[in-house]
């Protein structure tokens, strides 16, 4: 069985379209937590497409597994 690598998808209105500083963190839309990047990406893509006409709505994928177990992050270079 493959190990779950948890990912969080959330978003909201940003102050500047070039960044990820959200206008109102208490109003963030938490889409969900997913067991792998593929499912998280699919969720992110779906919700992002629903808001395509609003440039200030931004959704992101956060690699929770990297926060929970940073010593096992295989993407870091030695």
PDB file of N, CA and C in Angstrom:
ATOM      1  N   UNK A   1       0.845  -1.189   0.000  1.00  0.00           N
ATOM      2  CA  UNK A   1       0.000   0.000   0.000  1.00  0.00           C
ATOM      3  C   UNK A   1       0.889   1.250   0.000  1.00  0.00           C
ATOM      4  N   UNK A   2       0.566   2.174  -0.870  1.00  0.00           N
ATOM      5  CA  UNK A   2       1.331   3.411  -0.982  1.00  0.00           C
ATOM      6  C   UNK A   2       1.034   4.341   0.196  1.00  0.00           C
ATOM      7  N   UNK A   3       2.082   4.989   0.705  1.00  0.00           N
ATOM      8  CA  UNK A   3       1.935   5.909   1.827  1.00  0.00           C
ATOM      9  C   UNK A   3       1.174   7.167   1.383  1.00  0.00           C
ATOM     10  N   UNK A   4       0.248   7.619   2.232  1.00  0.00           N
ATOM     11  CA  UNK A   4      -0.477   8.860   1.948  1.00  0.00           C
ATOM     12  C   UNK A   4       0.442  10.062   2.120  1.00  0.00           C
ATOM     13  N   UNK A   5       0.411  10.953   1.167  1.00  0.00           N
ATOM     14  CA  UNK A   5       1.138  12.214   1.257  1.00  0.00           C
ATOM     15  C   UNK A   5       0.073  13.310   1.230  1.00  0.00           C
ATOM     16  N   UNK A   6      -0.342  13.740   2.410  1.00  0.00           N
ATOM     17  CA  UNK A   6      -1.477  14.647   2.533  1.00  0.00           C
ATOM     18  C   UNK A   6      -1.241  16.007   1.884  1.00  0.00           C
ATOM     19  N   UNK A   7      -2.292  16.505   1.230  1.00  0.00           N
ATOM     20  CA  UNK A   7      -2.280  17.814   0.580  1.00  0.00           C
ATOM     21  C   UNK A   7      -3.569  18.550   0.922  1.00  0.00           C
ATOM     22  N   UNK A   8      -3.449  19.831   1.184  1.00  0.00           N
ATOM     23  CA  UNK A   8      -4.586  20.690   1.512  1.00  0.00           C
ATOM     24  C   UNK A   8      -4.847  21.632   0.345  1.00  0.00           C
ATOM     25  N   UNK A   9      -6.114  21.792  -0.018  1.00  0.00           N
ATOM     26  CA  UNK A   9      -6.503  22.737  -1.068  1.00  0.00           C
ATOM     27  C   UNK A   9      -7.414  23.775  -0.424  1.00  0.00           C
ATOM     28  N   UNK A  10      -7.033  25.043  -0.575  1.00  0.00           N
ATOM     29  CA  UNK A  10      -7.862  26.130  -0.055  1.00  0.00           C
ATOM     30  C   UNK A  10      -7.634  27.378  -0.885  1.00  0.00           C
ATOM     31  N   UNK A  11      -8.486  28.371  -0.663  1.00  0.00           N
ATOM     32  CA  UNK A  11      -8.331  29.616  -1.402  1.00  0.00           C
ATOM     33  C   UNK A  11      -9.233  30.702  -0.884  1.00  0.00           C
ATOM     34  N   UNK A  12      -9.131  31.830  -1.545  1.00  0.00           N
ATOM     35  CA  UNK A  12      -9.929  32.994  -1.188  1.00  0.00           C
ATOM     36  C   UNK A  12      -9.472  34.201  -1.997  1.00  0.00           C
ATOM     37  N   UNK A  13     -10.008  35.351  -1.638  1.00  0.00           N
ATOM     38  CA  UNK A  13      -9.650  36.589  -2.339  1.00  0.00           C
ATOM     39  C   UNK A  13      -8.294  37.083  -1.841  1.00  0.00           C
ATOM     40  N   UNK A  14      -7.401  37.381  -2.770  1.00  0.00           N
ATOM     41  CA  UNK A  14      -6.072  37.878  -2.435  1.00  0.00           C
ATOM     42  C   UNK A  14      -6.020  39.393  -2.582  1.00  0.00           C
ATOM     43  N   UNK A  15      -5.118  40.007  -1.816  1.00  0.00           N
ATOM     44  CA  UNK A  15      -4.949  41.467  -1.882  1.00  0.00           C
ATOM     45  C   UNK A  15      -4.308  41.883  -3.204  1.00  0.00           C
ATOM     46  N   UNK A  16      -3.400  41.056  -3.695  1.00  0.00           N
ATOM     47  CA  UNK A  16      -2.662  41.343  -4.924  1.00  0.00           C
ATOM     48  C   UNK A  16      -2.608  40.049  -5.725  1.00  0.00           C
ATOM     49  N   UNK A  17      -2.956  40.091  -6.987  1.00  0.00           N
ATOM     50  CA  UNK A  17      -3.006  38.886  -7.805  1.00  0.00           C
ATOM     51  C   UNK A  17      -1.648  38.214  -7.975  1.00  0.00           C
ATOM     52  N   UNK A  18      -0.569  38.928  -7.673  1.00  0.00           N
ATOM     53  CA  UNK A  18       0.769  38.354  -7.807  1.00  0.00           C
ATOM     54  C   UNK A  18       1.225  37.619  -6.557  1.00  0.00           C
ATOM     55  N   UNK A  19       0.422  37.645  -5.492  1.00  0.00           N
ATOM     56  CA  UNK A  19       0.844  37.021  -4.247  1.00  0.00           C
ATOM     57  C   UNK A  19      -0.199  36.100  -3.662  1.00  0.00           C
ATOM     58  N   UNK A  20       0.043  35.694  -2.428  1.00  0.00           N
ATOM     59  CA  UNK A  20      -0.893  34.810  -1.729  1.00  0.00           C
ATOM     60  C   UNK A  20      -1.273  35.370  -0.363  1.00  0.00           C
ATOM     61  N   UNK A  21      -1.292  36.702  -0.259  1.00  0.00           N
ATOM     62  CA  UNK A  21      -1.778  37.318   0.971  1.00  0.00           C
ATOM     63  C   UNK A  21      -3.293  37.484   0.822  1.00  0.00           C
ATOM     64  N   UNK A  22      -4.016  36.760   1.656  1.00  0.00           N
ATOM     65  CA  UNK A  22      -5.468  36.744   1.536  1.00  0.00           C
ATOM     66  C   UNK A  22      -6.088  37.922   2.266  1.00  0.00           C
ATOM     67  N   UNK A  23      -7.132  38.493   1.664  1.00  0.00           N
ATOM     68  CA  UNK A  23      -7.824  39.655   2.243  1.00  0.00           C
ATOM     69  C   UNK A  23      -8.389  39.346   3.617  1.00  0.00           C
ATOM     70  N   UNK A  24      -9.067  38.224   3.742  1.00  0.00           N
ATOM     71  CA  UNK A  24      -9.753  37.877   4.983  1.00  0.00           C
ATOM     72  C   UNK A  24      -9.528  36.395   5.287  1.00  0.00           C
ATOM     73  N   UNK A  25      -8.483  36.088   6.057  1.00  0.00           N
ATOM     74  CA  UNK A  25      -8.194  34.680   6.359  1.00  0.00           C
ATOM     75  C   UNK A  25      -9.358  33.933   7.009  1.00  0.00           C
ATOM     76  N   UNK A  26     -10.226  34.648   7.701  1.00  0.00           N
ATOM     77  CA  UNK A  26     -11.363  33.969   8.333  1.00  0.00           C
ATOM     78  C   UNK A  26     -12.410  33.532   7.307  1.00  0.00           C
ATOM     79  N   UNK A  27     -12.308  34.031   6.083  1.00  0.00           N
ATOM     80  CA  UNK A  27     -13.270  33.688   5.033  1.00  0.00           C
ATOM     81  C   UNK A  27     -12.689  32.723   3.998  1.00  0.00           C
ATOM     82  N   UNK A  28     -11.559  32.093   4.312  1.00  0.00           N
ATOM     83  CA  UNK A  28     -10.954  31.168   3.359  1.00  0.00           C
ATOM     84  C   UNK A  28     -11.892  30.001   3.063  1.00  0.00           C
ATOM     85  N   UNK A  29     -11.863  29.572   1.825  1.00  0.00           N
ATOM     86  CA  UNK A  29     -12.642  28.418   1.384  1.00  0.00           C
ATOM     87  C   UNK A  29     -11.730  27.193   1.481  1.00  0.00           C
ATOM     88  N   UNK A  30     -11.986  26.341   2.476  1.00  0.00           N
ATOM     89  CA  UNK A  30     -11.212  25.110   2.640  1.00  0.00           C
ATOM     90  C   UNK A  30     -11.890  24.044   1.776  1.00  0.00           C
ATOM     91  N   UNK A  31     -11.226  23.695   0.682  1.00  0.00           N
ATOM     92  CA  UNK A  31     -11.801  22.733  -0.259  1.00  0.00           C
ATOM     93  C   UNK A  31     -11.689  21.322   0.304  1.00  0.00           C
ATOM     94  N   UNK A  32     -10.522  20.978   0.843  1.00  0.00           N
ATOM     95  CA  UNK A  32     -10.370  19.647   1.434  1.00  0.00           C
ATOM     96  C   UNK A  32      -8.929  19.230   1.597  1.00  0.00           C
ATOM     97  N   UNK A  33      -8.767  18.072   2.233  1.00  0.00           N
ATOM     98  CA  UNK A  33      -7.463  17.440   2.413  1.00  0.00           C
ATOM     99  C   UNK A  33      -7.507  16.144   1.622  1.00  0.00           C
ATOM    100  N   UNK A  34      -6.450  15.904   0.845  1.00  0.00           N
ATOM    101  CA  UNK A  34      -6.417  14.775  -0.083  1.00  0.00           C
ATOM    102  C   UNK A  34      -5.198  13.898   0.188  1.00  0.00           C
ATOM    103  N   UNK A  35      -5.305  12.591  -0.099  1.00  0.00           N
ATOM    104  CA  UNK A  35      -4.235  11.653   0.236  1.00  0.00           C
ATOM    105  C   UNK A  35      -3.054  11.651  -0.734  1.00  0.00           C
ATOM    106  N   UNK A  36      -3.172  12.378  -1.846  1.00  0.00           N
ATOM    107  CA  UNK A  36      -2.064  12.441  -2.798  1.00  0.00           C
ATOM    108  C   UNK A  36      -2.196  13.704  -3.645  1.00  0.00           C
ATOM    109  N   UNK A  37      -1.107  14.024  -4.334  1.00  0.00           N
ATOM    110  CA  UNK A  37      -1.072  15.256  -5.125  1.00  0.00           C
ATOM    111  C   UNK A  37      -2.073  15.216  -6.281  1.00  0.00           C
ATOM    112  N   UNK A  38      -2.236  14.079  -6.923  1.00  0.00           N
ATOM    113  CA  UNK A  38      -3.151  13.973  -8.066  1.00  0.00           C
ATOM    114  C   UNK A  38      -4.570  14.374  -7.682  1.00  0.00           C
ATOM    115  N   UNK A  39      -5.069  13.833  -6.573  1.00  0.00           N
ATOM    116  CA  UNK A  39      -6.423  14.178  -6.148  1.00  0.00           C
ATOM    117  C   UNK A  39      -6.511  15.642  -5.737  1.00  0.00           C
ATOM    118  N   UNK A  40      -5.478  16.151  -5.069  1.00  0.00           N
ATOM    119  CA  UNK A  40      -5.458  17.559  -4.665  1.00  0.00           C
ATOM    120  C   UNK A  40      -5.435  18.459  -5.901  1.00  0.00           C
ATOM    121  N   UNK A  41      -4.606  18.105  -6.869  1.00  0.00           N
ATOM    122  CA  UNK A  41      -4.519  18.885  -8.101  1.00  0.00           C
ATOM    123  C   UNK A  41      -5.862  18.905  -8.829  1.00  0.00           C
ATOM    124  N   UNK A  42      -6.522  17.766  -8.911  1.00  0.00           N
ATOM    125  CA  UNK A  42      -7.824  17.703  -9.579  1.00  0.00           C
ATOM    126  C   UNK A  42      -8.846  18.593  -8.867  1.00  0.00           C
ATOM    127  N   UNK A  43      -8.829  18.585  -7.528  1.00  0.00           N
ATOM    128  CA  UNK A  43      -9.743  19.439  -6.752  1.00  0.00           C
ATOM    129  C   UNK A  43      -9.406  20.909  -6.975  1.00  0.00           C
ATOM    130  N   UNK A  44      -8.099  21.236  -6.936  1.00  0.00           N
ATOM    131  CA  UNK A  44      -7.643  22.612  -7.161  1.00  0.00           C
ATOM    132  C   UNK A  44      -8.075  23.095  -8.544  1.00  0.00           C
ATOM    133  N   UNK A  45      -7.860  22.272  -9.534  1.00  0.00           N
ATOM    134  CA  UNK A  45      -8.198  22.649 -10.908  1.00  0.00           C
ATOM    135  C   UNK A  45      -9.699  22.914 -11.045  1.00  0.00           C
ATOM    136  N   UNK A  46     -10.515  22.043 -10.474  1.00  0.00           N
ATOM    137  CA  UNK A  46     -11.958  22.205 -10.557  1.00  0.00           C
ATOM    138  C   UNK A  46     -12.440  23.489  -9.905  1.00  0.00           C
ATOM    139  N   UNK A  47     -11.982  23.755  -8.695  1.00  0.00           N
ATOM    140  CA  UNK A  47     -12.436  24.955  -7.988  1.00  0.00           C
ATOM    141  C   UNK A  47     -11.854  26.215  -8.637  1.00  0.00           C
ATOM    142  N   UNK A  48     -10.637  26.148  -9.120  1.00  0.00           N
ATOM    143  CA  UNK A  48     -10.032  27.305  -9.790  1.00  0.00           C
ATOM    144  C   UNK A  48     -10.789  27.653 -11.061  1.00  0.00           C
ATOM    145  N   UNK A  49     -11.198  26.651 -11.798  1.00  0.00           N
ATOM    146  CA  UNK A  49     -11.932  26.898 -13.039  1.00  0.00           C
ATOM    147  C   UNK A  49     -13.293  27.525 -12.775  1.00  0.00           C
ATOM    148  N   UNK A  50     -13.895  27.208 -11.632  1.00  0.00           N
ATOM    149  CA  UNK A  50     -15.192  27.818 -11.302  1.00  0.00           C
ATOM    150  C   UNK A  50     -15.059  29.307 -11.006  1.00  0.00           C
ATOM    151  N   UNK A  51     -13.841  29.760 -10.680  1.00  0.00           N
ATOM    152  CA  UNK A  51     -13.611  31.167 -10.344  1.00  0.00           C
ATOM    153  C   UNK A  51     -12.722  31.867 -11.379  1.00  0.00           C
ATOM    154  N   UNK A  52     -12.656  31.329 -12.571  1.00  0.00           N
ATOM    155  CA  UNK A  52     -11.745  31.842 -13.590  1.00  0.00           C
ATOM    156  C   UNK A  52     -12.014  33.308 -13.945  1.00  0.00           C
ATOM    157  N   UNK A  53     -13.226  33.783 -13.776  1.00  0.00           N
ATOM    158  CA  UNK A  53     -13.559  35.161 -14.132  1.00  0.00           C
ATOM    159  C   UNK A  53     -13.226  36.169 -13.040  1.00  0.00           C
ATOM    160  N   UNK A  54     -12.762  35.708 -11.901  1.00  0.00           N
ATOM    161  CA  UNK A  54     -12.409  36.594 -10.784  1.00  0.00           C
ATOM    162  C   UNK A  54     -10.914  36.449 -10.491  1.00  0.00           C
ATOM    163  N   UNK A  55     -10.117  37.352 -11.043  1.00  0.00           N
ATOM    164  CA  UNK A  55      -8.658  37.260 -10.926  1.00  0.00           C
ATOM    165  C   UNK A  55      -8.164  37.308  -9.487  1.00  0.00           C
ATOM    166  N   UNK A  56      -8.958  37.850  -8.575  1.00  0.00           N
ATOM    167  CA  UNK A  56      -8.496  37.976  -7.195  1.00  0.00           C
ATOM    168  C   UNK A  56      -8.862  36.765  -6.332  1.00  0.00           C
ATOM    169  N   UNK A  57      -9.539  35.789  -6.918  1.00  0.00           N
ATOM    170  CA  UNK A  57      -9.798  34.526  -6.209  1.00  0.00           C
ATOM    171  C   UNK A  57      -8.672  33.577  -6.570  1.00  0.00           C
ATOM    172  N   UNK A  58      -7.952  33.130  -5.556  1.00  0.00           N
ATOM    173  CA  UNK A  58      -6.814  32.253  -5.804  1.00  0.00           C
ATOM    174  C   UNK A  58      -6.920  31.030  -4.906  1.00  0.00           C
ATOM    175  N   UNK A  59      -6.670  29.877  -5.494  1.00  0.00           N
ATOM    176  CA  UNK A  59      -6.645  28.608  -4.764  1.00  0.00           C
ATOM    177  C   UNK A  59      -5.241  28.030  -4.841  1.00  0.00           C
ATOM    178  N   UNK A  60      -4.842  27.343  -3.785  1.00  0.00           N
ATOM    179  CA  UNK A  60      -3.495  26.788  -3.701  1.00  0.00           C
ATOM    180  C   UNK A  60      -3.548  25.353  -3.193  1.00  0.00           C
ATOM    181  N   UNK A  61      -2.475  24.619  -3.490  1.00  0.00           N
ATOM    182  CA  UNK A  61      -2.270  23.270  -2.947  1.00  0.00           C
ATOM    183  C   UNK A  61      -1.094  23.370  -1.988  1.00  0.00           C
ATOM    184  N   UNK A  62      -1.305  22.937  -0.756  1.00  0.00           N
ATOM    185  CA  UNK A  62      -0.249  22.937   0.260  1.00  0.00           C
ATOM    186  C   UNK A  62       0.144  21.485   0.525  1.00  0.00           C
ATOM    187  N   UNK A  63       1.434  21.218   0.488  1.00  0.00           N
ATOM    188  CA  UNK A  63       1.956  19.876   0.739  1.00  0.00           C
ATOM    189  C   UNK A  63       2.053  19.662   2.251  1.00  0.00           C
ATOM    190  N   UNK A  64       0.965  19.210   2.854  1.00  0.00           N
ATOM    191  CA  UNK A  64       0.945  19.015   4.310  1.00  0.00           C
ATOM    192  C   UNK A  64       1.992  18.017   4.761  1.00  0.00           C
ATOM    193  N   UNK A  65       2.256  17.006   3.967  1.00  0.00           N
ATOM    194  CA  UNK A  65       3.228  15.987   4.357  1.00  0.00           C
ATOM    195  C   UNK A  65       4.607  16.598   4.567  1.00  0.00           C
ATOM    196  N   UNK A  66       4.931  17.656   3.850  1.00  0.00           N
ATOM    197  CA  UNK A  66       6.231  18.321   4.026  1.00  0.00           C
ATOM    198  C   UNK A  66       6.286  19.091   5.346  1.00  0.00           C
ATOM    199  N   UNK A  67       5.145  19.588   5.788  1.00  0.00           N
ATOM    200  CA  UNK A  67       5.084  20.297   7.069  1.00  0.00           C
ATOM    201  C   UNK A  67       5.073  19.321   8.241  1.00  0.00           C
ATOM    202  N   UNK A  68       4.399  18.198   8.061  1.00  0.00           N
ATOM    203  CA  UNK A  68       4.259  17.220   9.138  1.00  0.00           C
ATOM    204  C   UNK A  68       5.531  16.407   9.362  1.00  0.00           C
ATOM    205  N   UNK A  69       6.244  16.115   8.271  1.00  0.00           N
ATOM    206  CA  UNK A  69       7.461  15.306   8.362  1.00  0.00           C
ATOM    207  C   UNK A  69       8.551  15.899   7.468  1.00  0.00           C
ATOM    208  N   UNK A  70       9.080  17.058   7.839  1.00  0.00           N
ATOM    209  CA  UNK A  70      10.061  17.720   6.961  1.00  0.00           C
ATOM    210  C   UNK A  70      11.331  16.899   6.735  1.00  0.00           C
ATOM    211  N   UNK A  71      11.687  16.049   7.683  1.00  0.00           N
ATOM    212  CA  UNK A  71      12.915  15.263   7.531  1.00  0.00           C
ATOM    213  C   UNK A  71      12.777  14.181   6.466  1.00  0.00           C
ATOM    214  N   UNK A  72      11.560  13.872   6.041  1.00  0.00           N
ATOM    215  CA  UNK A  72      11.363  12.844   5.014  1.00  0.00           C
ATOM    216  C   UNK A  72      11.052  13.448   3.650  1.00  0.00           C
ATOM    217  N   UNK A  73      11.156  14.757   3.506  1.00  0.00           N
ATOM    218  CA  UNK A  73      10.877  15.423   2.238  1.00  0.00           C
ATOM    219  C   UNK A  73      11.943  15.019   1.218  1.00  0.00           C
ATOM    220  N   UNK A  74      11.535  14.270   0.216  1.00  0.00           N
ATOM    221  CA  UNK A  74      12.490  13.781  -0.796  1.00  0.00           C
ATOM    222  C   UNK A  74      12.761  14.801  -1.885  1.00  0.00           C
ATOM    223  N   UNK A  75      12.104  15.952  -1.865  1.00  0.00           N
ATOM    224  CA  UNK A  75      12.321  16.959  -2.915  1.00  0.00           C
ATOM    225  C   UNK A  75      13.479  17.891  -2.586  1.00  0.00           C
ATOM    226  N   UNK A  76      13.964  17.844  -1.348  1.00  0.00           N
ATOM    227  CA  UNK A  76      15.088  18.717  -0.968  1.00  0.00           C
ATOM    228  C   UNK A  76      16.389  18.152  -1.508  1.00  0.00           C
ATOM    229  N   UNK A  77      17.268  19.048  -1.936  1.00  0.00           N
ATOM    230  CA  UNK A  77      18.570  18.590  -2.396  1.00  0.00           C
ATOM    231  C   UNK A  77      19.536  18.568  -1.223  1.00  0.00           C
ATOM    232  N   UNK A  78      20.477  17.640  -1.254  1.00  0.00           N
ATOM    233  CA  UNK A  78      21.415  17.525  -0.128  1.00  0.00           C
ATOM    234  C   UNK A  78      22.564  18.480  -0.249  1.00  0.00           C
TER     235      UNK A  78
END
